[in-house]
N, C-alpha and C. Protein backbone atom coordinates (compact mmCIF):
# COMPACT_ATOMS: atom_id res chain seq x y z
N MET A 1 21.03 123.63 48.88
CA MET A 1 20.42 124.79 48.39
C MET A 1 21.62 125.83 47.97
N ARG A 2 20.82 126.11 46.74
CA ARG A 2 21.43 127.51 46.09
C ARG A 2 21.47 128.97 47.10
N THR A 3 22.32 129.57 47.31
CA THR A 3 22.34 130.30 47.73
C THR A 3 22.32 131.88 47.21
N VAL A 4 21.84 132.75 47.59
CA VAL A 4 21.18 133.83 46.25
C VAL A 4 21.84 135.17 46.91
N PRO A 5 22.92 135.42 46.29
CA PRO A 5 23.40 136.74 46.48
C PRO A 5 23.00 138.05 46.85
N ALA A 6 22.69 138.80 48.38
CA ALA A 6 22.51 140.06 48.61
C ALA A 6 22.61 140.66 46.96
N LYS A 7 21.58 141.81 47.07
CA LYS A 7 21.72 142.88 45.67
C LYS A 7 22.70 143.53 46.09
N ALA A 8 23.38 144.02 44.76
CA ALA A 8 24.63 144.71 45.07
C ALA A 8 24.42 146.65 45.12
N GLY A 9 24.63 147.40 45.78
CA GLY A 9 24.77 148.38 45.78
C GLY A 9 25.80 149.44 45.42
N PRO A 10 25.54 150.74 45.43
CA PRO A 10 26.76 151.40 45.34
C PRO A 10 27.89 151.37 46.06
N THR A 11 28.97 151.45 45.52
CA THR A 11 30.13 152.02 46.10
C THR A 11 30.43 153.38 46.68
N VAL A 12 29.97 153.69 48.13
CA VAL A 12 29.96 155.25 48.27
C VAL A 12 31.03 155.31 48.84
N THR A 13 31.65 156.52 48.08
CA THR A 13 32.74 157.71 48.92
C THR A 13 32.85 158.79 49.11
N SER A 14 33.33 159.34 49.59
CA SER A 14 33.35 160.65 50.07
C SER A 14 33.24 162.28 48.97
N VAL A 15 33.31 161.10 47.73
CA VAL A 15 33.00 162.01 46.58
C VAL A 15 31.61 161.91 45.93
N THR A 16 31.27 160.87 45.97
CA THR A 16 29.92 160.08 45.62
C THR A 16 28.61 160.27 46.70
N ALA A 17 28.67 160.32 47.82
CA ALA A 17 28.27 160.59 48.87
C ALA A 17 27.08 161.24 48.54
N PRO A 18 27.65 162.93 48.24
CA PRO A 18 26.07 163.75 48.25
C PRO A 18 25.17 163.35 47.34
N PHE A 19 25.45 162.40 46.02
CA PHE A 19 24.95 161.97 44.89
C PHE A 19 23.95 161.13 45.17
N TRP A 20 24.34 160.69 46.09
CA TRP A 20 23.96 159.08 46.53
C TRP A 20 22.61 159.69 47.44
N ASP A 21 23.06 160.87 48.30
CA ASP A 21 21.85 160.93 49.26
C ASP A 21 21.08 162.13 48.59
N GLY A 22 21.35 162.65 47.85
CA GLY A 22 20.28 163.43 46.81
C GLY A 22 19.43 162.39 46.25
N LEU A 23 19.73 161.30 46.14
CA LEU A 23 19.08 160.20 44.96
C LEU A 23 18.34 159.99 46.25
N ARG A 24 18.41 159.33 47.15
CA ARG A 24 17.62 159.22 48.33
C ARG A 24 16.51 160.03 48.90
N ASP A 25 17.07 161.35 48.79
CA ASP A 25 15.85 162.38 48.88
C ASP A 25 15.29 162.86 47.86
N GLY A 26 15.20 162.31 46.60
CA GLY A 26 14.47 162.59 45.35
C GLY A 26 14.82 163.55 44.47
N GLN A 27 16.28 163.88 44.60
CA GLN A 27 17.14 165.02 44.03
C GLN A 27 18.17 164.62 43.13
N LEU A 28 18.05 164.95 41.80
CA LEU A 28 19.07 164.05 40.77
C LEU A 28 20.49 165.58 41.03
N LEU A 29 21.34 165.18 41.56
CA LEU A 29 22.64 166.31 41.94
C LEU A 29 23.79 166.00 40.93
N LEU A 30 24.40 166.88 39.78
CA LEU A 30 25.46 167.22 39.07
C LEU A 30 26.07 167.75 39.80
N ARG A 31 27.57 167.58 39.50
CA ARG A 31 28.95 167.89 40.23
C ARG A 31 28.88 169.17 38.64
N ARG A 32 29.01 170.71 39.00
CA ARG A 32 29.40 171.84 38.58
C ARG A 32 30.62 172.55 38.79
N CYS A 33 31.37 172.81 37.67
CA CYS A 33 33.13 173.37 37.81
C CYS A 33 32.39 175.38 37.80
N SER A 34 33.31 175.48 39.03
CA SER A 34 32.98 177.09 38.77
C SER A 34 34.00 177.66 38.02
N SER A 35 34.80 177.02 37.87
CA SER A 35 35.91 177.42 36.68
C SER A 35 35.38 178.03 35.37
N CYS A 36 34.62 176.67 34.54
CA CYS A 36 34.13 176.32 33.02
C CYS A 36 33.12 176.48 33.18
N GLY A 37 32.10 176.31 34.26
CA GLY A 37 30.65 176.30 34.11
C GLY A 37 29.88 174.97 33.71
N ARG A 38 30.92 173.79 33.50
CA ARG A 38 30.59 172.90 32.89
C ARG A 38 29.84 171.86 33.76
N ALA A 39 29.03 171.19 33.51
CA ALA A 39 28.17 170.29 34.48
C ALA A 39 28.94 168.49 33.91
N GLN A 40 28.71 168.06 35.29
CA GLN A 40 29.27 166.32 34.68
C GLN A 40 28.59 165.67 35.70
N HIS A 41 28.57 164.33 35.26
CA HIS A 41 28.40 163.36 35.84
C HIS A 41 29.26 161.87 35.02
N HIS A 42 30.16 161.65 36.25
CA HIS A 42 29.75 160.93 37.46
C HIS A 42 30.27 161.81 38.30
N PRO A 43 30.38 161.82 39.45
CA PRO A 43 31.45 162.74 40.54
C PRO A 43 32.73 162.19 40.82
N ARG A 44 33.46 163.54 40.19
CA ARG A 44 34.70 163.49 40.49
C ARG A 44 35.58 164.48 41.17
N VAL A 45 36.81 164.31 41.46
CA VAL A 45 37.41 165.70 42.50
C VAL A 45 38.18 166.58 41.51
N LEU A 46 38.04 166.77 40.12
CA LEU A 46 38.76 167.00 39.30
C LEU A 46 37.45 167.53 38.14
N CYS A 47 37.41 168.74 37.28
CA CYS A 47 36.60 168.89 36.10
C CYS A 47 37.22 168.30 35.11
N ARG A 48 36.22 167.51 34.34
CA ARG A 48 36.47 166.83 33.47
C ARG A 48 37.14 167.54 31.81
N ASP A 49 36.75 168.95 32.10
CA ASP A 49 37.32 169.75 30.83
C ASP A 49 38.19 170.22 31.00
N CYS A 50 38.41 171.25 32.69
CA CYS A 50 39.54 171.98 32.64
C CYS A 50 40.50 171.85 33.85
N TRP A 51 40.10 170.55 34.05
CA TRP A 51 40.98 170.08 35.55
C TRP A 51 41.15 170.78 36.56
N SER A 52 39.71 171.63 36.97
CA SER A 52 40.05 172.85 38.16
C SER A 52 39.17 171.70 39.16
N SER A 53 39.65 171.97 40.29
CA SER A 53 38.96 170.91 41.87
C SER A 53 37.87 171.93 42.31
N ASP A 54 37.83 173.33 41.73
CA ASP A 54 36.27 174.19 42.44
C ASP A 54 35.55 173.48 41.63
N LEU A 55 34.88 172.61 42.62
CA LEU A 55 33.74 172.01 41.71
C LEU A 55 32.42 171.89 42.94
N SER A 56 31.00 172.06 42.74
CA SER A 56 29.99 172.34 43.61
C SER A 56 28.71 171.20 43.12
N TRP A 57 27.93 171.01 44.30
CA TRP A 57 26.54 170.10 43.30
C TRP A 57 25.64 171.27 43.19
N THR A 58 25.06 170.67 42.12
CA THR A 58 24.10 171.38 41.68
C THR A 58 22.78 170.76 41.03
N GLU A 59 21.62 171.08 41.55
CA GLU A 59 20.24 170.38 41.30
C GLU A 59 19.92 170.32 39.76
N SER A 60 19.89 168.92 39.07
CA SER A 60 18.94 169.23 38.08
C SER A 60 17.71 168.98 38.22
N ALA A 61 17.06 169.65 36.89
CA ALA A 61 15.80 169.81 36.78
C ALA A 61 15.05 168.63 36.89
N ALA A 62 15.56 167.26 36.39
CA ALA A 62 15.07 166.27 36.24
C ALA A 62 14.44 166.29 34.87
N THR A 63 14.54 167.02 34.36
CA THR A 63 13.87 166.86 33.07
C THR A 63 15.10 166.67 31.80
N GLY A 64 14.98 166.59 30.26
CA GLY A 64 16.25 166.39 29.77
C GLY A 64 16.17 165.58 28.74
N THR A 65 16.85 164.90 27.95
CA THR A 65 16.92 163.93 26.57
C THR A 65 17.32 162.55 27.07
N VAL A 66 16.49 161.56 26.95
CA VAL A 66 16.93 160.03 27.15
C VAL A 66 17.27 159.72 25.58
N TRP A 67 18.57 159.34 25.47
CA TRP A 67 19.25 159.08 24.22
C TRP A 67 18.61 157.66 23.92
N THR A 68 19.32 156.35 25.11
CA THR A 68 19.08 155.35 24.57
C THR A 68 18.91 154.71 26.21
N TRP A 69 18.37 153.52 26.12
CA TRP A 69 17.71 152.60 27.50
C TRP A 69 17.38 151.40 27.18
N THR A 70 18.03 150.35 28.40
CA THR A 70 18.00 148.79 28.30
C THR A 70 17.84 148.68 29.67
N VAL A 71 17.04 147.59 29.85
CA VAL A 71 16.62 146.75 31.25
C VAL A 71 18.09 145.83 31.63
N VAL A 72 18.39 145.55 32.09
CA VAL A 72 19.45 144.49 32.63
C VAL A 72 18.86 143.20 33.84
N GLN A 73 18.89 142.23 33.22
CA GLN A 73 18.32 141.08 33.50
C GLN A 73 19.22 140.09 34.55
N PRO A 74 18.92 139.78 35.47
CA PRO A 74 20.13 139.04 35.87
C PRO A 74 20.14 137.49 35.42
N PRO A 75 21.09 136.37 35.22
CA PRO A 75 21.22 135.71 34.61
C PRO A 75 20.46 134.39 35.28
N GLY A 76 19.85 133.82 33.91
CA GLY A 76 19.43 132.36 34.81
C GLY A 76 17.96 132.57 34.56
N HIS A 77 17.56 131.36 34.27
CA HIS A 77 15.90 131.22 34.22
C HIS A 77 15.63 130.09 35.08
N PRO A 78 14.37 130.43 35.48
CA PRO A 78 13.20 131.69 35.64
C PRO A 78 14.06 132.47 36.16
N VAL A 79 13.55 133.71 36.32
CA VAL A 79 13.97 134.93 36.99
C VAL A 79 13.92 134.65 38.60
N ARG A 80 13.15 133.80 38.93
CA ARG A 80 13.35 133.35 40.61
C ARG A 80 14.01 132.32 40.74
N VAL A 81 14.84 132.51 41.42
CA VAL A 81 16.55 131.61 41.97
C VAL A 81 16.07 131.23 43.25
N GLY A 82 15.81 130.13 43.59
CA GLY A 82 15.41 129.71 45.14
C GLY A 82 13.88 129.95 45.56
N THR A 83 13.83 130.61 46.59
CA THR A 83 12.88 131.90 47.18
C THR A 83 13.02 133.28 46.97
N GLU A 84 14.30 133.88 46.33
CA GLU A 84 14.52 135.01 46.10
C GLU A 84 14.26 135.56 44.73
N ALA A 85 13.44 136.59 44.81
CA ALA A 85 13.12 137.46 43.65
C ALA A 85 14.56 138.12 43.11
N ARG A 86 14.68 138.15 41.59
CA ARG A 86 16.20 138.69 41.15
C ARG A 86 15.49 139.88 40.06
N ASP A 87 15.45 140.97 40.88
CA ASP A 87 14.96 141.92 40.17
C ASP A 87 15.81 142.80 38.63
N GLY A 88 15.39 142.83 37.86
CA GLY A 88 16.40 143.54 36.82
C GLY A 88 16.58 145.00 36.89
N TYR A 89 17.46 145.85 36.54
CA TYR A 89 17.60 147.41 36.82
C TYR A 89 17.57 147.69 34.98
N ALA A 90 17.02 149.08 35.54
CA ALA A 90 17.71 150.05 34.12
C ALA A 90 18.58 150.75 33.96
N VAL A 91 19.09 151.11 32.58
CA VAL A 91 20.50 151.69 32.46
C VAL A 91 19.97 152.68 31.18
N ALA A 92 20.05 154.14 31.79
CA ALA A 92 19.88 154.78 30.28
C ALA A 92 21.14 156.08 30.17
N VAL A 93 21.21 156.53 28.70
CA VAL A 93 21.99 157.71 28.78
C VAL A 93 21.35 158.89 28.45
N ALA A 94 21.43 159.31 29.25
CA ALA A 94 20.80 160.73 29.42
C ALA A 94 21.57 162.04 29.02
N ARG A 95 20.67 162.89 28.84
CA ARG A 95 21.35 164.26 29.16
C ARG A 95 20.33 165.50 29.68
N PRO A 96 20.78 165.63 31.34
CA PRO A 96 19.79 166.11 32.10
C PRO A 96 19.82 167.69 31.90
N VAL A 97 19.08 168.67 32.05
CA VAL A 97 18.68 169.94 32.24
C VAL A 97 19.37 170.63 33.61
N PRO A 98 20.16 171.25 33.77
CA PRO A 98 20.64 171.48 35.24
C PRO A 98 19.29 172.32 35.72
N ALA A 99 18.61 172.57 36.64
CA ALA A 99 17.78 173.63 37.44
C ALA A 99 17.74 174.98 37.10
N ALA A 100 18.86 174.96 37.75
CA ALA A 100 19.24 176.61 37.54
C ALA A 100 19.40 177.24 36.40
N GLU A 101 19.58 176.46 35.11
CA GLU A 101 19.75 177.26 34.15
C GLU A 101 18.50 177.00 33.00
N GLY A 102 18.10 175.47 33.07
CA GLY A 102 17.15 175.37 31.99
C GLY A 102 17.78 174.73 30.61
N ARG A 103 18.95 174.70 30.40
CA ARG A 103 19.53 174.17 29.35
C ARG A 103 20.17 172.46 29.84
N PRO A 104 20.85 172.34 28.58
CA PRO A 104 21.34 170.83 28.92
C PRO A 104 22.76 170.86 29.47
N ALA A 105 23.04 169.98 30.38
CA ALA A 105 24.57 170.37 30.93
C ALA A 105 25.68 169.81 29.80
C-alpha cells in the first residue's frame, strides 16, 4: 500500500507568524515600512526598497487587482491516491489595496 504524505503547510517563523495568524483570523496583513511608506509581501525583516528595519503590520482592505492565477494539482491520475483525497491549490499574482489608504500597495 502506498503512503500519502500529509498536506504541506507553511513554514512559520517569528517574521511570518503575524501574517499566518492574520489569515487564520480572516485578515490579509502586509508589512509597511515606516520610513518610505511602501507595503510589501512576503514578510521580511528589512524594507525591500529602502532597507529600513522600521516595519509594521497593516491590514489590507482585501480588495485589489488579480493579474493572473492558476490552480496547481498534485501529480498523478486520478486525483485520488489510495483513500486520501489530494486537493489542488490556487496561486495568484495580485496587487492588494491597503485598508488604511484605499490605494494599491
